[in-house]
């Protein structure tokens, strides 16, 4: 079904994620590498890769610099970070630098499979437990992920507000459709309208700026 590269220097974790892919996406071709240089070479040899699962801390990465290098060398191949890192700012930076998702290594197998499926479907995946967590012991600067002005939010219909609220919880279109008991195509239409009305380019921008909204006050109007 898919052609996926696992780039991680821990053999046991490579084996574990390989098993997740084999069980969740039967028939997929899986390649493995343990450092950034090898990953870059493989992307040149296999420009038809559907996804790269990239560890932040393997040799050659130097943190998010490795992600930037990989995105520059292979801009058409989606990259998802798979890391033990659980700092919200690192997660958000990874998305800003071009990753299409962030999966924590402590995620249960079922959650990993759902996350990979969501990404292969063209969506962005963010770990909802981390996204909901504010930085502890620090005050957010006013410029960090500013919220939308009230007039933009008031332009959203009640259903669009409900969809946006579910988006901020890290739910996929399929999950939102199930929760709100509407068709997935209807959710997609609502998401497009939300992005247009809020003047943002993608789902991640909307989620980051909407994280602190009191949806109850808008839904009660």
N, C-alpha and C. Protein backbone atom coordinates (compact mmCIF):
# COMPACT_ATOMS: atom_id res chain seq x y z
N UNK A 1 0.81 -1.20 0.00
CA UNK A 1 0.00 0.00 0.00
C UNK A 1 0.86 1.27 0.00
N UNK A 2 1.75 1.37 0.98
CA UNK A 2 2.55 2.58 1.12
C UNK A 2 4.03 2.25 1.14
N UNK A 3 4.84 3.28 0.89
CA UNK A 3 6.30 3.15 0.95
C UNK A 3 6.78 4.12 2.03
N UNK A 4 7.30 3.57 3.13
CA UNK A 4 7.59 4.37 4.31
C UNK A 4 9.03 4.16 4.77
N UNK A 5 9.69 5.26 5.14
CA UNK A 5 11.04 5.20 5.67
C UNK A 5 11.02 5.49 7.17
N UNK A 6 11.62 4.59 7.95
CA UNK A 6 11.80 4.80 9.38
C UNK A 6 13.25 5.22 9.61
N UNK A 7 13.45 6.44 10.12
CA UNK A 7 14.80 6.95 10.37
C UNK A 7 14.98 7.13 11.87
N UNK A 8 15.62 6.15 12.51
CA UNK A 8 15.77 6.15 13.97
C UNK A 8 16.98 5.30 14.32
N UNK A 9 17.78 5.75 15.29
CA UNK A 9 19.00 5.01 15.61
C UNK A 9 18.82 3.95 16.68
N UNK A 10 17.59 3.73 17.15
CA UNK A 10 17.33 2.69 18.14
C UNK A 10 16.71 1.46 17.46
N UNK A 11 17.46 0.37 17.32
CA UNK A 11 16.95 -0.81 16.61
C UNK A 11 15.63 -1.34 17.17
N UNK A 12 15.48 -1.33 18.49
CA UNK A 12 14.25 -1.85 19.09
C UNK A 12 13.04 -0.99 18.71
N UNK A 13 13.25 0.32 18.68
CA UNK A 13 12.12 1.17 18.31
C UNK A 13 11.82 1.03 16.82
N UNK A 14 12.86 0.92 15.99
CA UNK A 14 12.62 0.70 14.55
C UNK A 14 11.79 -0.56 14.35
N UNK A 15 12.13 -1.60 15.09
CA UNK A 15 11.38 -2.87 14.99
C UNK A 15 9.94 -2.67 15.44
N UNK A 16 9.76 -1.91 16.53
CA UNK A 16 8.41 -1.68 17.06
C UNK A 16 7.55 -0.90 16.05
N UNK A 17 8.09 0.16 15.48
CA UNK A 17 7.31 0.97 14.54
C UNK A 17 7.10 0.21 13.23
N UNK A 18 8.09 -0.63 12.87
CA UNK A 18 7.94 -1.49 11.68
C UNK A 18 6.74 -2.41 11.88
N UNK A 19 6.61 -2.98 13.08
CA UNK A 19 5.48 -3.86 13.38
C UNK A 19 4.15 -3.11 13.34
N UNK A 20 4.17 -1.87 13.83
CA UNK A 20 2.95 -1.05 13.78
C UNK A 20 2.50 -0.87 12.33
N UNK A 21 3.46 -0.58 11.44
CA UNK A 21 3.14 -0.36 10.02
C UNK A 21 2.69 -1.66 9.37
N UNK A 22 3.40 -2.75 9.66
CA UNK A 22 3.06 -4.05 9.06
C UNK A 22 1.65 -4.49 9.46
N UNK A 23 1.29 -4.27 10.73
CA UNK A 23 -0.03 -4.67 11.22
C UNK A 23 -1.13 -3.72 10.74
N UNK A 24 -0.82 -2.42 10.74
CA UNK A 24 -1.85 -1.43 10.41
C UNK A 24 -2.00 -1.17 8.93
N UNK A 25 -0.92 -1.41 8.17
CA UNK A 25 -0.94 -1.11 6.73
C UNK A 25 -0.31 -2.26 5.97
N UNK A 26 -1.01 -3.41 5.94
CA UNK A 26 -0.47 -4.62 5.31
C UNK A 26 -0.02 -4.38 3.87
N UNK A 27 1.11 -4.97 3.51
CA UNK A 27 1.60 -4.86 2.14
C UNK A 27 2.48 -3.65 1.91
N UNK A 28 2.64 -2.80 2.92
CA UNK A 28 3.48 -1.61 2.76
C UNK A 28 4.95 -1.99 2.71
N UNK A 29 5.72 -1.21 1.95
CA UNK A 29 7.17 -1.40 1.89
C UNK A 29 7.81 -0.48 2.92
N UNK A 30 8.62 -1.06 3.80
CA UNK A 30 9.24 -0.28 4.88
C UNK A 30 10.75 -0.33 4.75
N UNK A 31 11.37 0.84 4.74
CA UNK A 31 12.84 0.93 4.74
C UNK A 31 13.28 1.52 6.08
N UNK A 32 14.53 1.23 6.47
CA UNK A 32 15.03 1.70 7.75
C UNK A 32 16.42 2.31 7.60
N UNK A 33 16.69 3.31 8.42
CA UNK A 33 18.02 3.91 8.47
C UNK A 33 18.26 4.43 9.89
N UNK A 34 19.53 4.66 10.24
CA UNK A 34 19.85 5.01 11.62
C UNK A 34 20.52 6.38 11.76
N UNK A 35 20.65 7.14 10.64
CA UNK A 35 21.25 8.47 10.74
C UNK A 35 20.72 9.34 9.61
N UNK A 36 20.92 10.65 9.76
CA UNK A 36 20.34 11.60 8.81
C UNK A 36 20.95 11.47 7.42
N UNK A 37 22.29 11.29 7.34
CA UNK A 37 22.94 11.20 6.03
C UNK A 37 22.35 10.07 5.20
N UNK A 38 22.14 8.91 5.84
CA UNK A 38 21.56 7.77 5.12
C UNK A 38 20.12 8.06 4.71
N UNK A 39 19.40 8.77 5.58
CA UNK A 39 18.01 9.13 5.26
C UNK A 39 17.97 10.04 4.03
N UNK A 40 18.90 11.00 3.97
CA UNK A 40 18.96 11.92 2.83
C UNK A 40 19.27 11.16 1.54
N UNK A 41 20.19 10.19 1.62
CA UNK A 41 20.52 9.38 0.43
C UNK A 41 19.31 8.57 -0.04
N UNK A 42 18.59 7.99 0.91
CA UNK A 42 17.43 7.16 0.55
C UNK A 42 16.32 8.00 -0.08
N UNK A 43 16.17 9.26 0.36
CA UNK A 43 15.13 10.10 -0.25
C UNK A 43 15.49 10.45 -1.69
N UNK A 44 16.79 10.52 -1.98
CA UNK A 44 17.22 10.78 -3.37
C UNK A 44 16.97 9.57 -4.26
N UNK A 45 17.17 8.38 -3.67
CA UNK A 45 16.98 7.14 -4.44
C UNK A 45 15.51 6.75 -4.55
N UNK A 46 14.69 7.19 -3.60
CA UNK A 46 13.27 6.81 -3.58
C UNK A 46 12.41 8.07 -3.40
N UNK A 47 12.25 8.82 -4.48
CA UNK A 47 11.46 10.05 -4.39
C UNK A 47 9.96 9.78 -4.37
N UNK A 48 9.61 8.47 -4.41
CA UNK A 48 8.18 8.09 -4.36
C UNK A 48 7.76 7.68 -2.95
N UNK A 49 8.58 7.99 -1.95
CA UNK A 49 8.21 7.67 -0.56
C UNK A 49 6.90 8.37 -0.19
N UNK A 50 6.05 7.66 0.53
CA UNK A 50 4.79 8.24 0.99
C UNK A 50 4.95 8.97 2.32
N UNK A 51 5.97 8.56 3.10
CA UNK A 51 6.11 9.14 4.43
C UNK A 51 7.50 8.81 5.00
N UNK A 52 8.05 9.78 5.76
CA UNK A 52 9.27 9.54 6.52
C UNK A 52 8.95 9.71 7.99
N UNK A 53 9.27 8.71 8.80
CA UNK A 53 9.11 8.77 10.25
C UNK A 53 10.49 9.09 10.82
N UNK A 54 10.65 10.29 11.35
CA UNK A 54 11.98 10.82 11.66
C UNK A 54 12.18 11.04 13.15
N UNK A 55 13.26 10.45 13.68
CA UNK A 55 13.63 10.65 15.09
C UNK A 55 14.40 11.97 15.21
N UNK A 56 14.09 12.76 16.24
CA UNK A 56 14.75 14.06 16.42
C UNK A 56 16.19 13.94 16.88
N UNK A 57 16.54 12.84 17.56
CA UNK A 57 17.82 12.78 18.25
C UNK A 57 18.81 11.77 17.68
N UNK A 58 18.59 11.29 16.46
CA UNK A 58 19.56 10.35 15.90
C UNK A 58 20.77 11.11 15.34
N UNK A 59 21.89 10.41 15.07
CA UNK A 59 23.10 11.07 14.58
C UNK A 59 22.85 11.92 13.33
N UNK A 60 23.43 13.12 13.35
CA UNK A 60 23.31 14.02 12.21
C UNK A 60 22.14 14.98 12.28
N UNK A 61 21.23 14.77 13.21
CA UNK A 61 20.02 15.59 13.25
C UNK A 61 20.26 16.99 13.81
N UNK A 62 21.02 17.08 14.90
CA UNK A 62 21.20 18.37 15.58
C UNK A 62 19.86 19.04 15.83
N UNK A 63 18.97 18.26 16.44
CA UNK A 63 17.63 18.77 16.74
C UNK A 63 16.82 19.01 15.48
N UNK A 64 16.17 20.15 15.44
CA UNK A 64 15.27 20.46 14.31
C UNK A 64 16.02 20.85 13.04
N UNK A 65 17.34 21.08 13.14
CA UNK A 65 18.12 21.39 11.93
C UNK A 65 18.05 20.24 10.93
N UNK A 66 18.05 19.01 11.45
CA UNK A 66 17.96 17.85 10.58
C UNK A 66 16.65 17.82 9.81
N UNK A 67 15.57 18.20 10.49
CA UNK A 67 14.27 18.27 9.82
C UNK A 67 14.31 19.29 8.70
N UNK A 68 14.89 20.45 8.97
CA UNK A 68 14.99 21.50 7.95
C UNK A 68 15.78 21.01 6.75
N UNK A 69 16.92 20.34 7.00
CA UNK A 69 17.74 19.81 5.90
C UNK A 69 16.96 18.80 5.06
N UNK A 70 16.24 17.93 5.74
CA UNK A 70 15.47 16.90 5.04
C UNK A 70 14.36 17.53 4.20
N UNK A 71 13.68 18.53 4.75
CA UNK A 71 12.61 19.21 4.01
C UNK A 71 13.17 19.94 2.79
N UNK A 72 14.39 20.49 2.94
CA UNK A 72 15.02 21.19 1.80
C UNK A 72 15.41 20.22 0.70
N UNK A 73 15.91 19.04 1.10
CA UNK A 73 16.37 18.05 0.13
C UNK A 73 15.21 17.27 -0.51
N UNK A 74 14.15 17.06 0.26
CA UNK A 74 13.02 16.25 -0.25
C UNK A 74 11.71 16.96 0.10
N UNK A 75 11.44 18.11 -0.51
CA UNK A 75 10.27 18.91 -0.13
C UNK A 75 8.92 18.27 -0.42
N UNK A 76 8.89 17.26 -1.29
CA UNK A 76 7.60 16.66 -1.66
C UNK A 76 7.23 15.46 -0.78
N UNK A 77 8.17 14.98 0.05
CA UNK A 77 7.90 13.80 0.88
C UNK A 77 7.45 14.25 2.28
N UNK A 78 6.27 13.86 2.72
CA UNK A 78 5.81 14.23 4.06
C UNK A 78 6.71 13.64 5.14
N UNK A 79 7.00 14.44 6.16
CA UNK A 79 7.84 14.00 7.27
C UNK A 79 7.06 14.15 8.57
N UNK A 80 7.05 13.08 9.38
CA UNK A 80 6.45 13.16 10.71
C UNK A 80 7.54 12.86 11.74
N UNK A 81 7.60 13.69 12.76
CA UNK A 81 8.58 13.47 13.84
C UNK A 81 8.04 12.41 14.79
N UNK A 82 8.88 11.43 15.10
CA UNK A 82 8.54 10.43 16.11
C UNK A 82 9.61 10.54 17.18
N UNK A 83 9.23 11.01 18.36
CA UNK A 83 10.23 11.36 19.37
C UNK A 83 9.72 11.13 20.78
N UNK A 84 10.66 11.00 21.70
CA UNK A 84 10.30 10.92 23.12
C UNK A 84 10.06 12.31 23.69
N UNK A 85 10.39 13.33 22.92
CA UNK A 85 10.23 14.72 23.34
C UNK A 85 8.76 15.04 23.62
N UNK A 86 8.47 15.74 24.72
CA UNK A 86 7.08 16.07 25.03
C UNK A 86 6.91 17.55 25.36
N UNK A 87 7.87 18.37 24.95
CA UNK A 87 7.77 19.81 25.15
C UNK A 87 6.88 20.41 24.08
N UNK A 88 5.84 21.10 24.49
CA UNK A 88 4.86 21.64 23.54
C UNK A 88 5.53 22.55 22.51
N UNK A 89 6.49 23.37 22.93
CA UNK A 89 7.12 24.30 22.01
C UNK A 89 7.93 23.57 20.94
N UNK A 90 8.56 22.45 21.30
CA UNK A 90 9.30 21.65 20.32
C UNK A 90 8.33 21.07 19.30
N UNK A 91 7.19 20.58 19.78
CA UNK A 91 6.17 20.03 18.88
C UNK A 91 5.72 21.09 17.88
N UNK A 92 5.42 22.28 18.38
CA UNK A 92 4.93 23.35 17.51
C UNK A 92 6.01 23.83 16.55
N UNK A 93 7.27 23.87 17.03
CA UNK A 93 8.37 24.27 16.16
C UNK A 93 8.54 23.27 15.02
N UNK A 94 8.41 21.99 15.34
CA UNK A 94 8.55 20.95 14.31
C UNK A 94 7.52 21.15 13.20
N UNK A 95 6.29 21.48 13.58
CA UNK A 95 5.24 21.72 12.58
C UNK A 95 5.56 22.99 11.79
N UNK A 96 6.05 24.01 12.48
CA UNK A 96 6.42 25.27 11.81
C UNK A 96 7.52 25.03 10.78
N UNK A 97 8.45 24.11 11.09
CA UNK A 97 9.56 23.83 10.19
C UNK A 97 9.23 22.80 9.10
N UNK A 98 7.96 22.42 9.02
CA UNK A 98 7.55 21.61 7.87
C UNK A 98 7.13 20.19 8.14
N UNK A 99 7.19 19.72 9.39
CA UNK A 99 6.70 18.37 9.68
C UNK A 99 5.17 18.37 9.55
N UNK A 100 4.61 17.25 9.11
CA UNK A 100 3.16 17.14 8.96
C UNK A 100 2.52 16.47 10.18
N UNK A 101 3.36 16.13 11.17
CA UNK A 101 2.83 15.51 12.37
C UNK A 101 3.91 15.29 13.39
N UNK A 102 3.48 14.98 14.61
CA UNK A 102 4.42 14.71 15.70
C UNK A 102 3.81 13.59 16.54
N UNK A 103 4.50 12.45 16.59
CA UNK A 103 4.03 11.30 17.35
C UNK A 103 5.01 11.04 18.48
N UNK A 104 4.50 10.96 19.70
CA UNK A 104 5.39 10.66 20.83
C UNK A 104 5.64 9.15 20.92
N UNK A 105 6.86 8.79 21.28
CA UNK A 105 7.23 7.37 21.33
C UNK A 105 6.48 6.61 22.41
N UNK A 106 5.91 7.34 23.36
CA UNK A 106 5.15 6.68 24.43
C UNK A 106 3.70 6.40 24.02
N UNK A 107 3.33 6.80 22.79
CA UNK A 107 1.95 6.58 22.33
C UNK A 107 1.62 5.10 22.25
N UNK A 108 0.41 4.70 22.62
CA UNK A 108 -0.02 3.30 22.43
C UNK A 108 -0.04 2.95 20.94
N UNK A 109 0.10 1.66 20.65
CA UNK A 109 0.13 1.22 19.24
C UNK A 109 -1.08 1.69 18.46
N UNK A 110 -2.26 1.58 19.06
CA UNK A 110 -3.48 1.98 18.35
C UNK A 110 -3.44 3.46 18.00
N UNK A 111 -2.96 4.28 18.94
CA UNK A 111 -2.89 5.72 18.68
C UNK A 111 -1.86 6.03 17.60
N UNK A 112 -0.74 5.29 17.59
CA UNK A 112 0.27 5.47 16.55
C UNK A 112 -0.29 5.14 15.18
N UNK A 113 -1.02 4.03 15.11
CA UNK A 113 -1.62 3.62 13.84
C UNK A 113 -2.61 4.67 13.35
N UNK A 114 -3.45 5.17 14.25
CA UNK A 114 -4.42 6.20 13.87
C UNK A 114 -3.74 7.48 13.42
N UNK A 115 -2.64 7.83 14.10
CA UNK A 115 -1.90 9.04 13.74
C UNK A 115 -1.29 8.91 12.34
N UNK A 116 -0.67 7.76 12.07
CA UNK A 116 -0.06 7.53 10.75
C UNK A 116 -1.13 7.53 9.67
N UNK A 117 -2.28 6.91 9.94
CA UNK A 117 -3.38 6.89 8.97
C UNK A 117 -3.86 8.31 8.69
N UNK A 118 -4.00 9.10 9.73
CA UNK A 118 -4.46 10.48 9.59
C UNK A 118 -3.50 11.28 8.71
N UNK A 119 -2.19 11.07 8.91
CA UNK A 119 -1.17 11.78 8.13
C UNK A 119 -1.18 11.30 6.68
N UNK A 120 -1.29 9.98 6.48
CA UNK A 120 -1.33 9.45 5.11
C UNK A 120 -2.58 9.91 4.36
N UNK A 121 -3.62 10.25 5.12
CA UNK A 121 -4.85 10.78 4.50
C UNK A 121 -4.73 12.26 4.14
N UNK A 122 -3.58 12.84 4.46
CA UNK A 122 -3.36 14.24 4.10
C UNK A 122 -3.61 15.24 5.22
N UNK A 123 -3.88 14.73 6.44
CA UNK A 123 -4.12 15.62 7.57
C UNK A 123 -2.85 15.82 8.38
N UNK A 124 -2.85 16.83 9.23
CA UNK A 124 -1.76 17.04 10.18
C UNK A 124 -2.14 16.38 11.50
N UNK A 125 -1.17 15.72 12.13
CA UNK A 125 -1.45 15.10 13.43
C UNK A 125 -0.63 15.78 14.52
N UNK A 126 -1.32 16.23 15.56
CA UNK A 126 -0.67 16.80 16.74
C UNK A 126 -1.11 16.00 17.97
N UNK A 127 -0.19 15.68 18.88
CA UNK A 127 -0.58 14.91 20.08
C UNK A 127 -1.48 15.76 20.97
N UNK A 128 -2.77 15.40 21.08
CA UNK A 128 -3.72 16.26 21.79
C UNK A 128 -3.38 16.51 23.25
N UNK A 129 -2.78 15.51 23.93
CA UNK A 129 -2.45 15.71 25.34
C UNK A 129 -1.37 16.77 25.52
N UNK A 130 -0.43 16.86 24.58
CA UNK A 130 0.61 17.88 24.66
C UNK A 130 0.08 19.25 24.24
N UNK A 131 -0.72 19.28 23.19
CA UNK A 131 -1.25 20.55 22.68
C UNK A 131 -2.13 21.21 23.73
N UNK A 132 -2.83 20.42 24.53
CA UNK A 132 -3.72 20.99 25.56
C UNK A 132 -2.95 21.50 26.76
N UNK A 133 -1.66 21.09 26.89
CA UNK A 133 -0.87 21.44 28.07
C UNK A 133 -0.15 22.76 27.85
N UNK A 134 -0.41 23.72 28.73
CA UNK A 134 0.31 24.99 28.67
C UNK A 134 1.69 24.79 29.29
N UNK A 135 2.63 25.64 28.90
CA UNK A 135 3.96 25.58 29.50
C UNK A 135 3.85 25.87 30.99
N UNK A 136 4.35 24.96 31.82
CA UNK A 136 4.22 25.13 33.26
C UNK A 136 5.29 26.08 33.78
N UNK A 137 4.89 26.90 34.76
CA UNK A 137 5.84 27.78 35.42
C UNK A 137 6.27 28.98 34.62
N UNK A 138 5.68 29.19 33.45
CA UNK A 138 6.05 30.36 32.65
C UNK A 138 4.79 31.06 32.20
N UNK A 139 4.94 32.34 31.88
CA UNK A 139 3.83 33.11 31.36
C UNK A 139 3.99 33.21 29.85
N UNK A 140 2.92 32.97 29.14
CA UNK A 140 2.98 33.08 27.70
C UNK A 140 3.12 34.54 27.31
N UNK A 141 4.03 34.82 26.40
CA UNK A 141 4.14 36.18 25.89
C UNK A 141 2.91 36.48 25.03
N UNK A 142 2.59 37.74 24.90
CA UNK A 142 1.40 38.13 24.15
C UNK A 142 1.51 37.69 22.69
N UNK A 143 2.74 37.58 22.17
CA UNK A 143 2.91 37.24 20.76
C UNK A 143 2.88 35.75 20.49
N UNK A 144 2.91 34.93 21.54
CA UNK A 144 2.91 33.48 21.34
C UNK A 144 1.52 33.01 20.92
N UNK A 145 1.41 32.51 19.68
CA UNK A 145 0.15 31.95 19.19
C UNK A 145 -1.05 32.84 19.56
N UNK A 146 -1.07 34.11 19.08
CA UNK A 146 -2.15 35.01 19.48
C UNK A 146 -3.52 34.47 19.09
N UNK A 147 -4.51 34.72 19.93
CA UNK A 147 -5.87 34.29 19.64
C UNK A 147 -6.49 35.18 18.57
N UNK A 148 -7.57 34.68 17.98
CA UNK A 148 -8.25 35.45 16.95
C UNK A 148 -9.05 36.59 17.58
N UNK A 149 -9.18 37.73 16.88
CA UNK A 149 -10.04 38.80 17.37
C UNK A 149 -11.49 38.32 17.43
N UNK A 150 -12.28 38.81 18.39
CA UNK A 150 -13.66 38.35 18.56
C UNK A 150 -14.51 38.47 17.30
N UNK A 151 -14.27 39.53 16.51
CA UNK A 151 -15.12 39.72 15.31
C UNK A 151 -14.95 38.60 14.29
N UNK A 152 -13.74 38.00 14.23
CA UNK A 152 -13.54 36.88 13.31
C UNK A 152 -14.29 35.66 13.80
N UNK A 153 -14.21 35.41 15.10
CA UNK A 153 -14.90 34.24 15.67
C UNK A 153 -16.42 34.40 15.57
N UNK A 154 -16.90 35.62 15.70
CA UNK A 154 -18.35 35.86 15.61
C UNK A 154 -18.87 35.63 14.20
N UNK A 155 -17.95 35.63 13.22
CA UNK A 155 -18.35 35.38 11.84
C UNK A 155 -18.59 33.89 11.57
N UNK A 156 -18.15 33.04 12.51
CA UNK A 156 -18.34 31.60 12.34
C UNK A 156 -19.75 31.20 12.76
N UNK A 157 -20.32 30.25 12.04
CA UNK A 157 -21.62 29.71 12.44
C UNK A 157 -21.44 28.82 13.67
N UNK A 158 -22.53 28.47 14.31
CA UNK A 158 -22.46 27.60 15.49
C UNK A 158 -21.79 26.27 15.14
N UNK A 159 -22.16 25.69 14.01
CA UNK A 159 -21.57 24.40 13.61
C UNK A 159 -20.08 24.54 13.35
N UNK A 160 -19.67 25.66 12.75
CA UNK A 160 -18.25 25.88 12.49
C UNK A 160 -17.47 26.04 13.79
N UNK A 161 -18.07 26.69 14.78
CA UNK A 161 -17.44 26.81 16.09
C UNK A 161 -17.26 25.44 16.74
N UNK A 162 -18.27 24.60 16.61
CA UNK A 162 -18.19 23.25 17.17
C UNK A 162 -17.07 22.45 16.50
N UNK A 163 -16.95 22.60 15.17
CA UNK A 163 -15.89 21.91 14.43
C UNK A 163 -14.52 22.43 14.86
N UNK A 164 -14.38 23.75 14.98
CA UNK A 164 -13.11 24.34 15.40
C UNK A 164 -12.73 23.87 16.81
N UNK A 165 -13.72 23.77 17.69
CA UNK A 165 -13.46 23.30 19.05
C UNK A 165 -12.90 21.88 19.03
N UNK A 166 -13.49 21.02 18.19
CA UNK A 166 -12.98 19.63 18.09
C UNK A 166 -11.58 19.60 17.47
N UNK A 167 -11.33 20.51 16.52
CA UNK A 167 -10.00 20.59 15.90
C UNK A 167 -8.93 20.89 16.94
N UNK A 168 -9.25 21.81 17.89
CA UNK A 168 -8.27 22.18 18.91
C UNK A 168 -7.98 21.03 19.87
N UNK A 169 -8.83 20.03 19.88
CA UNK A 169 -8.62 18.85 20.72
C UNK A 169 -7.79 17.79 19.99
N UNK A 170 -7.36 18.14 18.76
CA UNK A 170 -6.52 17.22 18.00
C UNK A 170 -7.27 16.16 17.24
N UNK A 171 -8.60 16.33 17.08
CA UNK A 171 -9.41 15.31 16.41
C UNK A 171 -9.28 15.42 14.89
N UNK A 172 -9.32 14.29 14.22
CA UNK A 172 -9.31 14.24 12.76
C UNK A 172 -10.71 14.55 12.24
N UNK A 173 -10.81 14.77 10.93
CA UNK A 173 -12.12 15.02 10.32
C UNK A 173 -13.08 13.86 10.59
N UNK A 174 -12.55 12.65 10.54
CA UNK A 174 -13.39 11.47 10.76
C UNK A 174 -13.93 11.45 12.19
N UNK A 175 -13.06 11.77 13.16
CA UNK A 175 -13.51 11.81 14.56
C UNK A 175 -14.54 12.90 14.80
N UNK A 176 -14.31 14.06 14.17
CA UNK A 176 -15.24 15.19 14.32
C UNK A 176 -16.60 14.82 13.73
N UNK A 177 -16.58 14.18 12.58
CA UNK A 177 -17.82 13.76 11.93
C UNK A 177 -18.61 12.82 12.84
N UNK A 178 -17.91 11.88 13.47
CA UNK A 178 -18.56 10.92 14.36
C UNK A 178 -19.15 11.63 15.58
N UNK A 179 -18.36 12.52 16.19
CA UNK A 179 -18.79 13.22 17.40
C UNK A 179 -20.00 14.11 17.13
N UNK A 180 -19.96 14.85 16.02
CA UNK A 180 -21.03 15.82 15.71
C UNK A 180 -22.16 15.20 14.88
N UNK A 181 -21.99 13.92 14.54
CA UNK A 181 -23.01 13.17 13.78
C UNK A 181 -23.33 13.86 12.45
N UNK A 182 -22.25 14.20 11.73
CA UNK A 182 -22.41 14.76 10.39
C UNK A 182 -21.46 14.02 9.45
N UNK A 183 -21.60 14.22 8.15
CA UNK A 183 -20.76 13.52 7.17
C UNK A 183 -19.34 14.10 7.18
N UNK A 184 -18.38 13.25 6.86
CA UNK A 184 -16.99 13.72 6.84
C UNK A 184 -16.79 14.80 5.77
N UNK A 185 -17.51 14.68 4.66
CA UNK A 185 -17.41 15.71 3.62
C UNK A 185 -17.93 17.06 4.13
N UNK A 186 -18.94 17.00 5.00
CA UNK A 186 -19.47 18.23 5.61
C UNK A 186 -18.43 18.86 6.52
N UNK A 187 -17.72 18.01 7.27
CA UNK A 187 -16.65 18.52 8.14
C UNK A 187 -15.58 19.22 7.30
N UNK A 188 -15.18 18.60 6.19
CA UNK A 188 -14.16 19.20 5.31
C UNK A 188 -14.61 20.57 4.81
N UNK A 189 -15.90 20.67 4.46
CA UNK A 189 -16.44 21.94 3.99
C UNK A 189 -16.39 22.99 5.10
N UNK A 190 -16.73 22.57 6.33
CA UNK A 190 -16.68 23.48 7.47
C UNK A 190 -15.25 23.95 7.74
N UNK A 191 -14.30 23.00 7.66
CA UNK A 191 -12.89 23.34 7.92
C UNK A 191 -12.41 24.38 6.89
N UNK A 192 -12.74 24.17 5.63
CA UNK A 192 -12.36 25.13 4.58
C UNK A 192 -12.93 26.51 4.87
N UNK A 193 -14.21 26.54 5.28
CA UNK A 193 -14.86 27.81 5.59
C UNK A 193 -14.21 28.48 6.81
N UNK A 194 -13.87 27.67 7.80
CA UNK A 194 -13.23 28.20 9.01
C UNK A 194 -11.89 28.86 8.67
N UNK A 195 -11.06 28.17 7.88
CA UNK A 195 -9.75 28.71 7.51
C UNK A 195 -9.90 30.01 6.73
N UNK A 196 -10.90 30.04 5.84
CA UNK A 196 -11.13 31.25 5.04
C UNK A 196 -11.58 32.42 5.92
N UNK A 197 -12.54 32.16 6.81
CA UNK A 197 -13.08 33.23 7.65
C UNK A 197 -12.07 33.74 8.67
N UNK A 198 -11.20 32.85 9.15
CA UNK A 198 -10.20 33.24 10.14
C UNK A 198 -8.92 33.75 9.50
N UNK A 199 -8.87 33.69 8.17
CA UNK A 199 -7.73 34.21 7.41
C UNK A 199 -6.42 33.50 7.78
N UNK A 200 -6.48 32.17 7.87
CA UNK A 200 -5.28 31.37 8.11
C UNK A 200 -5.09 30.41 6.94
N UNK A 201 -3.86 29.96 6.78
CA UNK A 201 -3.53 29.15 5.61
C UNK A 201 -3.75 27.65 5.80
N UNK A 202 -3.70 27.20 7.04
CA UNK A 202 -3.83 25.76 7.26
C UNK A 202 -4.41 25.45 8.63
N UNK A 203 -4.67 24.18 8.82
CA UNK A 203 -5.31 23.67 10.05
C UNK A 203 -4.46 23.96 11.29
N UNK A 204 -3.13 23.82 11.15
CA UNK A 204 -2.24 24.01 12.30
C UNK A 204 -2.31 25.45 12.80
N UNK A 205 -2.28 26.42 11.89
CA UNK A 205 -2.39 27.82 12.30
C UNK A 205 -3.69 28.06 13.06
N UNK A 206 -4.76 27.47 12.57
CA UNK A 206 -6.06 27.65 13.23
C UNK A 206 -6.03 27.05 14.64
N UNK A 207 -5.46 25.86 14.78
CA UNK A 207 -5.41 25.17 16.07
C UNK A 207 -4.56 25.96 17.07
N UNK A 208 -3.39 26.43 16.62
CA UNK A 208 -2.49 27.13 17.52
C UNK A 208 -3.10 28.44 18.03
N UNK A 209 -3.79 29.15 17.15
CA UNK A 209 -4.37 30.44 17.55
C UNK A 209 -5.67 30.28 18.31
N UNK A 210 -6.30 29.13 18.19
CA UNK A 210 -7.60 28.93 18.84
C UNK A 210 -7.50 28.18 20.16
N UNK A 211 -6.28 27.86 20.59
CA UNK A 211 -6.10 27.01 21.77
C UNK A 211 -6.69 27.56 23.05
N UNK A 212 -6.73 28.90 23.20
CA UNK A 212 -7.18 29.49 24.46
C UNK A 212 -8.59 30.08 24.38
N UNK A 213 -9.30 29.81 23.31
CA UNK A 213 -10.64 30.39 23.15
C UNK A 213 -11.63 29.74 24.12
N UNK A 214 -12.47 30.56 24.73
CA UNK A 214 -13.57 30.06 25.56
C UNK A 214 -14.76 29.82 24.62
N UNK A 215 -14.83 28.60 24.09
CA UNK A 215 -15.87 28.32 23.10
C UNK A 215 -17.26 28.44 23.69
N UNK A 216 -17.37 28.14 24.99
CA UNK A 216 -18.68 28.22 25.64
C UNK A 216 -19.31 29.59 25.51
N UNK A 217 -18.50 30.63 25.63
CA UNK A 217 -19.06 31.99 25.57
C UNK A 217 -19.59 32.32 24.18
N UNK A 218 -18.94 31.77 23.14
CA UNK A 218 -19.41 32.04 21.78
C UNK A 218 -20.60 31.16 21.43
N UNK A 219 -20.62 29.93 21.95
CA UNK A 219 -21.70 29.02 21.63
C UNK A 219 -22.99 29.38 22.37
N UNK A 220 -22.88 30.16 23.45
CA UNK A 220 -24.07 30.55 24.22
C UNK A 220 -24.80 31.77 23.61
N UNK A 221 -24.16 32.39 22.65
CA UNK A 221 -24.73 33.64 22.12
C UNK A 221 -26.07 33.41 21.46
